[in-house]
N, C-alpha and C. Protein backbone atom coordinates (compact mmCIF):
# COMPACT_ATOMS: atom_id res chain seq x y z
N MET A 1 -43.43 31.21 72.73
CA MET A 1 -43.18 32.23 73.71
C MET A 1 -43.51 33.59 73.10
N THR A 2 -44.10 34.46 73.87
CA THR A 2 -44.47 35.77 73.37
C THR A 2 -43.85 36.84 74.24
N GLY A 3 -43.45 37.93 73.62
CA GLY A 3 -42.89 39.04 74.36
C GLY A 3 -43.19 40.34 73.64
N ARG A 4 -43.95 41.21 74.24
CA ARG A 4 -44.30 42.51 73.70
C ARG A 4 -44.67 42.48 72.22
N GLY A 5 -45.55 41.60 71.83
CA GLY A 5 -45.99 41.53 70.45
C GLY A 5 -45.04 40.77 69.55
N HIS A 6 -43.95 40.26 70.10
CA HIS A 6 -42.99 39.50 69.31
C HIS A 6 -43.13 38.02 69.66
N VAL A 7 -43.05 37.18 68.68
CA VAL A 7 -43.08 35.74 68.93
C VAL A 7 -41.69 35.20 68.73
N PHE A 8 -41.19 34.46 69.71
CA PHE A 8 -39.85 33.92 69.65
C PHE A 8 -39.90 32.40 69.62
N ASN A 9 -38.92 31.83 69.03
CA ASN A 9 -38.77 30.39 68.96
C ASN A 9 -38.48 29.87 70.37
N ASP A 10 -39.00 28.69 70.68
CA ASP A 10 -38.75 28.09 72.00
C ASP A 10 -37.36 27.48 72.10
N SER A 11 -36.65 27.34 71.01
CA SER A 11 -35.32 26.74 71.03
C SER A 11 -34.34 27.68 71.70
N PRO A 12 -33.39 27.15 72.46
CA PRO A 12 -32.40 28.00 73.13
C PRO A 12 -31.48 28.68 72.11
N PHE A 13 -31.08 29.90 72.44
CA PHE A 13 -30.16 30.64 71.57
C PHE A 13 -29.26 31.52 72.42
N VAL A 14 -28.18 31.96 71.81
CA VAL A 14 -27.18 32.83 72.42
C VAL A 14 -27.17 34.14 71.63
N VAL A 15 -26.88 35.25 72.30
CA VAL A 15 -26.76 36.53 71.63
C VAL A 15 -25.37 37.09 71.90
N ALA A 16 -24.69 37.52 70.85
CA ALA A 16 -23.39 38.20 70.97
C ALA A 16 -23.61 39.66 70.60
N ILE A 17 -23.12 40.57 71.45
CA ILE A 17 -23.33 42.00 71.25
C ILE A 17 -21.99 42.72 71.31
N GLY A 18 -21.72 43.52 70.28
CA GLY A 18 -20.48 44.29 70.28
C GLY A 18 -19.99 44.58 68.88
N ALA A 19 -18.70 44.41 68.68
CA ALA A 19 -18.05 44.84 67.45
C ALA A 19 -18.12 43.80 66.33
N ALA A 20 -18.34 44.32 65.14
CA ALA A 20 -18.19 43.56 63.90
C ALA A 20 -17.42 44.48 62.97
N ASN A 21 -16.28 44.06 62.54
CA ASN A 21 -15.49 44.92 61.66
C ASN A 21 -14.77 44.13 60.58
N MET A 22 -14.29 44.86 59.63
CA MET A 22 -13.49 44.27 58.57
C MET A 22 -12.03 44.43 58.97
N ASP A 23 -11.29 43.32 58.94
CA ASP A 23 -9.87 43.31 59.27
C ASP A 23 -9.06 43.32 57.99
N ILE A 24 -8.08 44.19 57.93
CA ILE A 24 -7.16 44.27 56.79
C ILE A 24 -5.75 44.15 57.34
N HIS A 25 -5.03 43.12 56.90
CA HIS A 25 -3.67 42.86 57.38
C HIS A 25 -2.70 42.88 56.20
N GLY A 26 -1.62 43.64 56.35
CA GLY A 26 -0.57 43.67 55.35
C GLY A 26 0.70 43.06 55.92
N THR A 27 1.32 42.16 55.15
CA THR A 27 2.56 41.50 55.57
C THR A 27 3.60 41.67 54.47
N PRO A 28 4.78 42.20 54.79
CA PRO A 28 5.81 42.36 53.76
C PRO A 28 6.42 41.00 53.38
N SER A 29 6.89 40.92 52.15
CA SER A 29 7.55 39.68 51.67
C SER A 29 8.90 39.49 52.33
N ALA A 30 9.59 40.59 52.61
CA ALA A 30 10.91 40.54 53.25
C ALA A 30 10.84 41.48 54.46
N GLY A 31 11.95 41.98 54.91
CA GLY A 31 11.98 42.88 56.06
C GLY A 31 11.10 44.10 55.84
N LEU A 32 10.47 44.57 56.90
CA LEU A 32 9.61 45.74 56.84
C LEU A 32 10.47 46.99 56.81
N HIS A 33 10.28 47.80 55.79
CA HIS A 33 11.03 49.06 55.65
C HIS A 33 10.08 50.22 55.90
N LEU A 34 10.31 50.92 57.00
CA LEU A 34 9.45 52.03 57.36
C LEU A 34 9.60 53.18 56.38
N HIS A 35 8.54 53.95 56.23
CA HIS A 35 8.50 55.12 55.36
C HIS A 35 8.75 54.75 53.91
N ASP A 36 8.35 53.55 53.49
CA ASP A 36 8.55 53.08 52.12
C ASP A 36 7.43 52.12 51.76
N SER A 37 7.22 51.92 50.48
CA SER A 37 6.26 50.93 50.01
C SER A 37 6.92 49.56 50.07
N ASN A 38 6.27 48.61 50.70
CA ASN A 38 6.82 47.28 50.90
C ASN A 38 6.06 46.26 50.07
N PRO A 39 6.73 45.51 49.19
CA PRO A 39 6.04 44.42 48.50
C PRO A 39 5.60 43.38 49.52
N GLY A 40 4.44 42.78 49.32
CA GLY A 40 3.95 41.78 50.26
C GLY A 40 2.55 41.36 49.90
N THR A 41 1.82 40.92 50.90
CA THR A 41 0.44 40.47 50.70
C THR A 41 -0.50 41.26 51.62
N VAL A 42 -1.72 41.42 51.15
CA VAL A 42 -2.76 42.08 51.93
C VAL A 42 -3.94 41.12 51.99
N GLN A 43 -4.43 40.88 53.20
CA GLN A 43 -5.58 39.99 53.39
C GLN A 43 -6.71 40.76 54.05
N VAL A 44 -7.92 40.52 53.58
CA VAL A 44 -9.12 41.14 54.13
C VAL A 44 -10.01 40.02 54.66
N SER A 45 -10.47 40.17 55.90
CA SER A 45 -11.32 39.13 56.49
C SER A 45 -12.27 39.74 57.51
N PRO A 46 -13.41 39.07 57.75
CA PRO A 46 -14.33 39.54 58.78
C PRO A 46 -13.68 39.45 60.16
N GLY A 47 -13.99 40.41 61.02
CA GLY A 47 -13.45 40.41 62.37
C GLY A 47 -14.39 41.10 63.32
N GLY A 48 -13.86 41.47 64.47
CA GLY A 48 -14.65 42.06 65.54
C GLY A 48 -14.92 41.00 66.58
N VAL A 49 -14.74 41.33 67.84
CA VAL A 49 -14.81 40.34 68.90
C VAL A 49 -16.18 39.65 68.95
N ALA A 50 -17.26 40.41 69.03
CA ALA A 50 -18.58 39.79 69.12
C ALA A 50 -18.88 38.97 67.87
N ARG A 51 -18.52 39.49 66.69
CA ARG A 51 -18.75 38.77 65.45
C ARG A 51 -17.94 37.48 65.41
N ASN A 52 -16.70 37.52 65.86
CA ASN A 52 -15.87 36.32 65.88
C ASN A 52 -16.45 35.26 66.81
N VAL A 53 -16.92 35.68 67.99
CA VAL A 53 -17.53 34.75 68.93
C VAL A 53 -18.79 34.15 68.31
N ALA A 54 -19.62 35.00 67.69
CA ALA A 54 -20.85 34.51 67.06
C ALA A 54 -20.54 33.50 65.96
N GLU A 55 -19.52 33.75 65.16
CA GLU A 55 -19.18 32.80 64.09
C GLU A 55 -18.70 31.48 64.68
N ASN A 56 -17.86 31.53 65.69
CA ASN A 56 -17.37 30.28 66.30
C ASN A 56 -18.52 29.46 66.87
N LEU A 57 -19.45 30.12 67.55
CA LEU A 57 -20.60 29.40 68.10
C LEU A 57 -21.49 28.83 67.00
N ALA A 58 -21.75 29.62 65.97
CA ALA A 58 -22.58 29.15 64.85
C ALA A 58 -21.94 27.95 64.17
N ARG A 59 -20.63 27.97 63.99
CA ARG A 59 -19.94 26.85 63.35
C ARG A 59 -19.96 25.60 64.24
N LEU A 60 -20.18 25.78 65.54
CA LEU A 60 -20.33 24.64 66.45
C LEU A 60 -21.77 24.14 66.52
N GLY A 61 -22.65 24.78 65.73
CA GLY A 61 -24.04 24.36 65.67
C GLY A 61 -24.95 25.03 66.69
N ILE A 62 -24.48 26.09 67.32
CA ILE A 62 -25.28 26.80 68.32
C ILE A 62 -26.01 27.95 67.63
N ASP A 63 -27.30 28.09 67.92
CA ASP A 63 -28.09 29.20 67.39
C ASP A 63 -27.57 30.47 68.03
N CYS A 64 -26.89 31.31 67.26
CA CYS A 64 -26.30 32.53 67.79
C CYS A 64 -26.77 33.73 66.97
N ARG A 65 -27.24 34.72 67.67
CA ARG A 65 -27.71 35.96 67.06
C ARG A 65 -26.71 37.06 67.35
N LEU A 66 -26.43 37.87 66.36
CA LEU A 66 -25.46 38.97 66.51
C LEU A 66 -26.19 40.30 66.53
N ILE A 67 -25.86 41.11 67.53
CA ILE A 67 -26.30 42.50 67.55
C ILE A 67 -25.03 43.35 67.49
N ALA A 68 -24.86 44.03 66.37
CA ALA A 68 -23.68 44.86 66.16
C ALA A 68 -24.04 45.95 65.16
N PRO A 69 -23.38 47.09 65.24
CA PRO A 69 -23.64 48.14 64.27
C PRO A 69 -22.78 47.97 63.01
N LEU A 70 -23.40 48.14 61.86
CA LEU A 70 -22.68 48.14 60.59
C LEU A 70 -23.08 49.39 59.82
N GLY A 71 -22.15 49.91 59.04
CA GLY A 71 -22.49 51.01 58.16
C GLY A 71 -23.21 50.47 56.93
N ASN A 72 -23.82 51.37 56.21
CA ASN A 72 -24.48 50.99 54.96
C ASN A 72 -23.46 51.15 53.85
N ASP A 73 -22.45 50.29 53.86
CA ASP A 73 -21.33 50.40 52.92
C ASP A 73 -20.88 49.01 52.48
N ARG A 74 -19.86 48.96 51.65
CA ARG A 74 -19.38 47.69 51.09
C ARG A 74 -18.92 46.72 52.19
N HIS A 75 -18.18 47.22 53.16
CA HIS A 75 -17.72 46.36 54.25
C HIS A 75 -18.89 45.81 55.05
N GLY A 76 -19.90 46.63 55.28
CA GLY A 76 -21.09 46.16 55.98
C GLY A 76 -21.78 45.04 55.21
N GLU A 77 -21.90 45.20 53.89
CA GLU A 77 -22.51 44.15 53.05
C GLU A 77 -21.69 42.87 53.11
N MET A 78 -20.36 42.99 53.06
CA MET A 78 -19.49 41.82 53.12
C MET A 78 -19.66 41.08 54.45
N LEU A 79 -19.75 41.83 55.55
CA LEU A 79 -19.92 41.22 56.86
C LEU A 79 -21.27 40.52 56.99
N LEU A 80 -22.32 41.13 56.45
CA LEU A 80 -23.63 40.49 56.46
C LEU A 80 -23.60 39.18 55.67
N HIS A 81 -23.04 39.23 54.48
CA HIS A 81 -22.98 38.04 53.62
C HIS A 81 -22.18 36.92 54.29
N HIS A 82 -21.00 37.26 54.80
CA HIS A 82 -20.15 36.25 55.42
C HIS A 82 -20.81 35.68 56.68
N GLY A 83 -21.42 36.54 57.48
CA GLY A 83 -22.08 36.08 58.70
C GLY A 83 -23.20 35.09 58.42
N ARG A 84 -24.02 35.42 57.43
CA ARG A 84 -25.10 34.49 57.06
C ARG A 84 -24.53 33.17 56.56
N ALA A 85 -23.49 33.24 55.73
CA ALA A 85 -22.87 32.02 55.20
C ALA A 85 -22.28 31.16 56.31
N ALA A 86 -21.82 31.80 57.40
CA ALA A 86 -21.23 31.07 58.53
C ALA A 86 -22.30 30.52 59.47
N GLY A 87 -23.56 30.91 59.26
CA GLY A 87 -24.64 30.40 60.10
C GLY A 87 -25.06 31.31 61.23
N ILE A 88 -24.54 32.54 61.26
CA ILE A 88 -24.93 33.51 62.29
C ILE A 88 -26.30 34.08 61.93
N ASP A 89 -27.17 34.22 62.91
CA ASP A 89 -28.45 34.91 62.71
C ASP A 89 -28.13 36.41 62.68
N MET A 90 -28.21 37.01 61.51
CA MET A 90 -27.81 38.41 61.31
C MET A 90 -29.00 39.37 61.29
N GLN A 91 -30.20 38.90 61.60
CA GLN A 91 -31.37 39.76 61.48
C GLN A 91 -31.41 40.90 62.50
N HIS A 92 -30.59 40.84 63.55
CA HIS A 92 -30.59 41.89 64.57
C HIS A 92 -29.42 42.87 64.42
N VAL A 93 -28.63 42.69 63.37
CA VAL A 93 -27.54 43.63 63.09
C VAL A 93 -28.17 44.97 62.71
N LEU A 94 -27.61 46.04 63.21
CA LEU A 94 -28.15 47.38 62.97
C LEU A 94 -27.35 48.08 61.88
N ARG A 95 -28.04 48.55 60.85
CA ARG A 95 -27.39 49.30 59.77
C ARG A 95 -27.54 50.79 60.08
N LEU A 96 -26.44 51.46 60.29
CA LEU A 96 -26.45 52.88 60.58
C LEU A 96 -26.05 53.64 59.31
N GLU A 97 -27.00 54.34 58.76
CA GLU A 97 -26.83 55.00 57.45
C GLU A 97 -25.68 55.99 57.41
N SER A 98 -25.49 56.75 58.47
CA SER A 98 -24.50 57.84 58.43
C SER A 98 -23.14 57.44 58.98
N ALA A 99 -22.90 56.14 59.16
CA ALA A 99 -21.64 55.70 59.76
C ALA A 99 -20.91 54.74 58.83
N THR A 100 -19.64 54.59 59.07
CA THR A 100 -18.79 53.67 58.33
C THR A 100 -18.57 52.42 59.17
N THR A 101 -18.66 51.25 58.54
CA THR A 101 -18.42 49.99 59.23
C THR A 101 -17.02 50.00 59.85
N SER A 102 -16.92 49.47 61.05
CA SER A 102 -15.62 49.41 61.74
C SER A 102 -14.59 48.69 60.89
N THR A 103 -13.38 49.21 60.92
CA THR A 103 -12.28 48.62 60.17
C THR A 103 -11.03 48.59 61.04
N TYR A 104 -10.34 47.46 60.98
CA TYR A 104 -9.08 47.29 61.72
C TYR A 104 -8.00 47.04 60.68
N LEU A 105 -7.02 47.93 60.63
CA LEU A 105 -5.94 47.85 59.66
C LEU A 105 -4.63 47.62 60.40
N SER A 106 -3.93 46.54 60.05
CA SER A 106 -2.65 46.27 60.72
C SER A 106 -1.55 46.03 59.70
N VAL A 107 -0.37 46.45 60.07
CA VAL A 107 0.83 46.17 59.29
C VAL A 107 1.67 45.23 60.14
N LEU A 108 1.93 44.06 59.57
CA LEU A 108 2.70 43.04 60.27
C LEU A 108 4.14 43.05 59.79
N ASP A 109 5.03 42.50 60.59
CA ASP A 109 6.40 42.34 60.10
C ASP A 109 6.49 41.02 59.33
N GLU A 110 7.66 40.72 58.81
CA GLU A 110 7.82 39.52 57.97
C GLU A 110 7.57 38.21 58.73
N SER A 111 7.59 38.27 60.08
CA SER A 111 7.31 37.09 60.90
C SER A 111 5.83 36.96 61.25
N GLY A 112 5.03 37.96 60.85
CA GLY A 112 3.61 37.93 61.14
C GLY A 112 3.22 38.60 62.44
N ASN A 113 4.18 39.27 63.09
CA ASN A 113 3.88 40.00 64.33
C ASN A 113 3.44 41.42 63.99
N MET A 114 2.44 41.92 64.73
CA MET A 114 1.94 43.26 64.45
C MET A 114 3.01 44.31 64.73
N HIS A 115 3.22 45.17 63.77
CA HIS A 115 4.14 46.29 63.93
C HIS A 115 3.36 47.53 64.34
N VAL A 116 2.23 47.78 63.66
CA VAL A 116 1.38 48.92 63.96
C VAL A 116 -0.03 48.61 63.46
N ALA A 117 -1.01 49.23 64.08
CA ALA A 117 -2.40 49.03 63.65
C ALA A 117 -3.18 50.31 63.86
N ILE A 118 -4.23 50.45 63.06
CA ILE A 118 -5.17 51.55 63.21
C ILE A 118 -6.56 50.93 63.26
N SER A 119 -7.32 51.35 64.25
CA SER A 119 -8.66 50.81 64.43
C SER A 119 -9.67 51.94 64.30
N ASP A 120 -10.52 51.90 63.28
CA ASP A 120 -11.57 52.89 63.08
C ASP A 120 -12.88 52.26 63.54
N MET A 121 -13.22 52.50 64.80
CA MET A 121 -14.43 51.91 65.38
C MET A 121 -15.38 52.99 65.87
N SER A 122 -15.39 54.13 65.20
CA SER A 122 -16.23 55.24 65.64
C SER A 122 -17.72 54.90 65.60
N ILE A 123 -18.12 53.96 64.77
CA ILE A 123 -19.53 53.57 64.69
C ILE A 123 -20.05 53.05 66.03
N ILE A 124 -19.19 52.44 66.82
CA ILE A 124 -19.62 51.85 68.09
C ILE A 124 -20.09 52.92 69.08
N GLU A 125 -19.62 54.15 68.91
CA GLU A 125 -20.05 55.25 69.78
C GLU A 125 -21.51 55.62 69.53
N GLN A 126 -22.03 55.31 68.35
CA GLN A 126 -23.44 55.58 68.03
C GLN A 126 -24.36 54.44 68.46
N PHE A 127 -23.78 53.38 68.99
CA PHE A 127 -24.49 52.16 69.33
C PHE A 127 -24.67 52.08 70.84
N GLY A 128 -25.74 52.71 71.32
CA GLY A 128 -25.96 52.77 72.75
C GLY A 128 -27.27 52.15 73.18
N ALA A 129 -27.71 52.53 74.37
CA ALA A 129 -28.90 51.95 75.00
C ALA A 129 -30.15 52.13 74.15
N SER A 130 -30.30 53.28 73.50
CA SER A 130 -31.52 53.52 72.73
C SER A 130 -31.69 52.50 71.61
N LEU A 131 -30.60 52.08 70.98
CA LEU A 131 -30.68 51.07 69.92
C LEU A 131 -30.83 49.67 70.50
N LEU A 132 -30.25 49.42 71.65
CA LEU A 132 -30.34 48.10 72.27
C LEU A 132 -31.72 47.82 72.85
N ARG A 133 -32.40 48.86 73.33
CA ARG A 133 -33.73 48.69 73.91
C ARG A 133 -34.69 48.00 72.95
N GLU A 134 -34.53 48.25 71.66
CA GLU A 134 -35.39 47.64 70.64
C GLU A 134 -35.31 46.12 70.68
N HIS A 135 -34.22 45.58 71.20
CA HIS A 135 -33.98 44.14 71.21
C HIS A 135 -34.24 43.50 72.58
N GLU A 136 -34.72 44.30 73.53
CA GLU A 136 -34.89 43.80 74.89
C GLU A 136 -35.77 42.55 74.98
N PRO A 137 -36.93 42.48 74.30
CA PRO A 137 -37.74 41.25 74.41
C PRO A 137 -36.97 40.00 73.96
N MET A 138 -36.24 40.12 72.86
CA MET A 138 -35.46 38.98 72.37
C MET A 138 -34.33 38.66 73.34
N LEU A 139 -33.64 39.67 73.86
CA LEU A 139 -32.53 39.45 74.79
C LEU A 139 -32.99 38.72 76.04
N LYS A 140 -34.20 39.01 76.49
CA LYS A 140 -34.70 38.37 77.71
C LYS A 140 -35.09 36.91 77.48
N GLN A 141 -35.04 36.45 76.24
CA GLN A 141 -35.31 35.05 75.93
C GLN A 141 -34.02 34.25 75.74
N ALA A 142 -32.88 34.92 75.72
CA ALA A 142 -31.59 34.27 75.44
C ALA A 142 -31.13 33.40 76.61
N GLU A 143 -30.47 32.31 76.29
CA GLU A 143 -29.86 31.44 77.31
C GLU A 143 -28.58 32.07 77.85
N LEU A 144 -27.89 32.79 76.99
CA LEU A 144 -26.61 33.40 77.34
C LEU A 144 -26.44 34.65 76.50
N ILE A 145 -25.90 35.69 77.11
CA ILE A 145 -25.60 36.92 76.39
C ILE A 145 -24.11 37.18 76.52
N ILE A 146 -23.47 37.40 75.39
CA ILE A 146 -22.04 37.66 75.34
C ILE A 146 -21.85 39.09 74.88
N ILE A 147 -21.10 39.88 75.65
CA ILE A 147 -20.83 41.25 75.26
C ILE A 147 -19.32 41.46 75.20
N ASP A 148 -18.91 42.44 74.41
CA ASP A 148 -17.49 42.78 74.41
C ASP A 148 -17.32 44.22 74.87
N THR A 149 -16.12 44.55 75.32
CA THR A 149 -15.87 45.88 75.86
C THR A 149 -15.46 46.88 74.80
N ASN A 150 -15.74 46.57 73.53
CA ASN A 150 -15.69 47.61 72.51
C ASN A 150 -16.90 48.53 72.67
N LEU A 151 -17.97 48.02 73.31
CA LEU A 151 -19.19 48.79 73.52
C LEU A 151 -18.90 50.04 74.34
N ASN A 152 -19.69 51.08 74.10
CA ASN A 152 -19.51 52.32 74.87
C ASN A 152 -20.16 52.18 76.25
N HIS A 153 -19.92 53.15 77.12
CA HIS A 153 -20.42 53.08 78.50
C HIS A 153 -21.94 53.10 78.55
N ASP A 154 -22.59 53.81 77.65
CA ASP A 154 -24.05 53.83 77.62
C ASP A 154 -24.59 52.42 77.37
N ALA A 155 -24.03 51.72 76.41
CA ALA A 155 -24.46 50.35 76.10
C ALA A 155 -24.11 49.40 77.22
N LEU A 156 -22.89 49.47 77.74
CA LEU A 156 -22.49 48.58 78.84
C LEU A 156 -23.36 48.80 80.07
N GLY A 157 -23.63 50.05 80.39
CA GLY A 157 -24.47 50.35 81.55
C GLY A 157 -25.88 49.80 81.40
N TRP A 158 -26.47 50.00 80.22
CA TRP A 158 -27.83 49.50 80.00
C TRP A 158 -27.86 47.97 80.05
N LEU A 159 -26.92 47.34 79.38
CA LEU A 159 -26.90 45.87 79.34
C LEU A 159 -26.73 45.27 80.73
N THR A 160 -25.80 45.81 81.51
CA THR A 160 -25.56 45.23 82.83
C THR A 160 -26.68 45.55 83.82
N SER A 161 -27.32 46.70 83.68
CA SER A 161 -28.41 47.01 84.62
C SER A 161 -29.71 46.32 84.21
N THR A 162 -29.98 46.22 82.92
CA THR A 162 -31.22 45.62 82.45
C THR A 162 -31.15 44.10 82.42
N LEU A 163 -29.98 43.57 82.08
CA LEU A 163 -29.84 42.12 81.88
C LEU A 163 -28.83 41.49 82.82
N GLY A 164 -28.42 42.20 83.84
CA GLY A 164 -27.39 41.72 84.75
C GLY A 164 -27.74 40.45 85.49
N HIS A 165 -29.02 40.14 85.64
CA HIS A 165 -29.41 38.91 86.32
C HIS A 165 -29.47 37.73 85.35
N TRP A 166 -29.28 37.98 84.05
CA TRP A 166 -29.12 36.90 83.07
C TRP A 166 -27.65 36.48 83.11
N THR A 167 -27.35 35.36 82.51
CA THR A 167 -25.96 34.95 82.41
C THR A 167 -25.29 35.81 81.36
N LEU A 168 -24.36 36.65 81.79
CA LEU A 168 -23.60 37.52 80.89
C LEU A 168 -22.16 37.04 80.85
N PHE A 169 -21.63 36.90 79.66
CA PHE A 169 -20.22 36.60 79.48
C PHE A 169 -19.61 37.84 78.86
N VAL A 170 -18.51 38.34 79.44
CA VAL A 170 -17.87 39.55 78.94
C VAL A 170 -16.50 39.20 78.39
N ASP A 171 -16.29 39.49 77.10
CA ASP A 171 -14.96 39.38 76.51
C ASP A 171 -14.35 40.77 76.62
N THR A 172 -13.28 40.88 77.38
CA THR A 172 -12.71 42.19 77.69
C THR A 172 -11.84 42.78 76.58
N VAL A 173 -11.61 42.09 75.50
CA VAL A 173 -10.94 42.57 74.29
C VAL A 173 -9.44 42.82 74.50
N SER A 174 -9.10 43.70 75.43
CA SER A 174 -7.70 44.05 75.69
C SER A 174 -7.58 44.52 77.13
N THR A 175 -6.36 44.68 77.60
CA THR A 175 -6.17 45.14 78.98
C THR A 175 -6.72 46.55 79.15
N THR A 176 -6.57 47.39 78.15
CA THR A 176 -7.08 48.76 78.23
C THR A 176 -8.61 48.77 78.26
N LYS A 177 -9.23 48.03 77.36
CA LYS A 177 -10.69 48.03 77.28
C LYS A 177 -11.32 47.23 78.42
N ALA A 178 -10.56 46.37 79.06
CA ALA A 178 -11.09 45.61 80.21
C ALA A 178 -11.52 46.56 81.33
N MET A 179 -10.86 47.69 81.44
CA MET A 179 -11.18 48.64 82.50
C MET A 179 -12.58 49.23 82.33
N LYS A 180 -13.12 49.19 81.11
CA LYS A 180 -14.46 49.74 80.87
C LYS A 180 -15.55 48.98 81.60
N ILE A 181 -15.34 47.70 81.88
CA ILE A 181 -16.37 46.89 82.53
C ILE A 181 -16.32 47.02 84.04
N LYS A 182 -15.22 47.52 84.57
CA LYS A 182 -15.02 47.59 86.02
C LYS A 182 -16.16 48.30 86.77
N PRO A 183 -16.71 49.40 86.29
CA PRO A 183 -17.79 50.06 87.02
C PRO A 183 -19.08 49.24 87.10
N TYR A 184 -19.20 48.20 86.29
CA TYR A 184 -20.44 47.43 86.21
C TYR A 184 -20.31 46.09 86.87
């Protein structure tokens, strides 16, 4: 199959578009004491809705390509390495030189329930239609496109208007972010 000078494999594939971030979770060993240093454990793992979906599909043996913005930093390198090891096609991930890879930091209580979290996803605001257009020929060959509502309105608008007649699956992320898809 050929598309605008690009040659694509005839095998079916899925594309996941949206967030890829590094998750950092801290859990105290005993009760959580606010305004104090708490002994406990800290775990770092790959995350982000689109990245998580892509990994699950890849581990099920489905050819899945990820389009997500990463910074040119240590977390971005870790996400690339882990994604490739999990079987995700990472060749369409965008490295943004002047941005920091998304990071989700949560403090859990001793039962493992989230007490508070901070999400630094400012990189996603730089990830709009102009960057997605570069992938249009490949996207038009996909069997299924999965998007998450971490995407900004520019990206959501372009994806739904350009690819709305393709099968689109939308992971709404949260009740707040679900409202972002409503206009489309």
